[in-house]
């Protein structure tokens, strides 16, 4: 898996949002933390956050919560902003749980916008 992680890091700039989500999910599901890969996924996800679907956003967020990677503040803000754009109705119950896990893995200052939580 190390070779796959390294190759993915080198090609991360050609990954689409779905590729980023699938890669993060796969490595976490297999129990392979690949910290450098997750840093690359974080950077690239920040750049293309507007192309994530609700499912892709939730899966990516969940993977970061599970792996315990050093999260970038910019990624937290980007995920939060994108989730606000979608609104709660866009997410399934499972996807909301995944986002919740992601936000719980950060300090309060990085928690999601009040705009997202207002409908609750």
Foldseek 3Di string as FASTA:
>chain_A
DVVVLVVCLVVVLVDALQRLLVVLLVCVVVVNLSQSSLVSSLVNCLVRVVRDALVSLLSNLLSCLRSVHDHDLSSLQSSLVSLLVCADVRDDPVSVVSNVSSQVSDDPVSHHDVSRVVVD
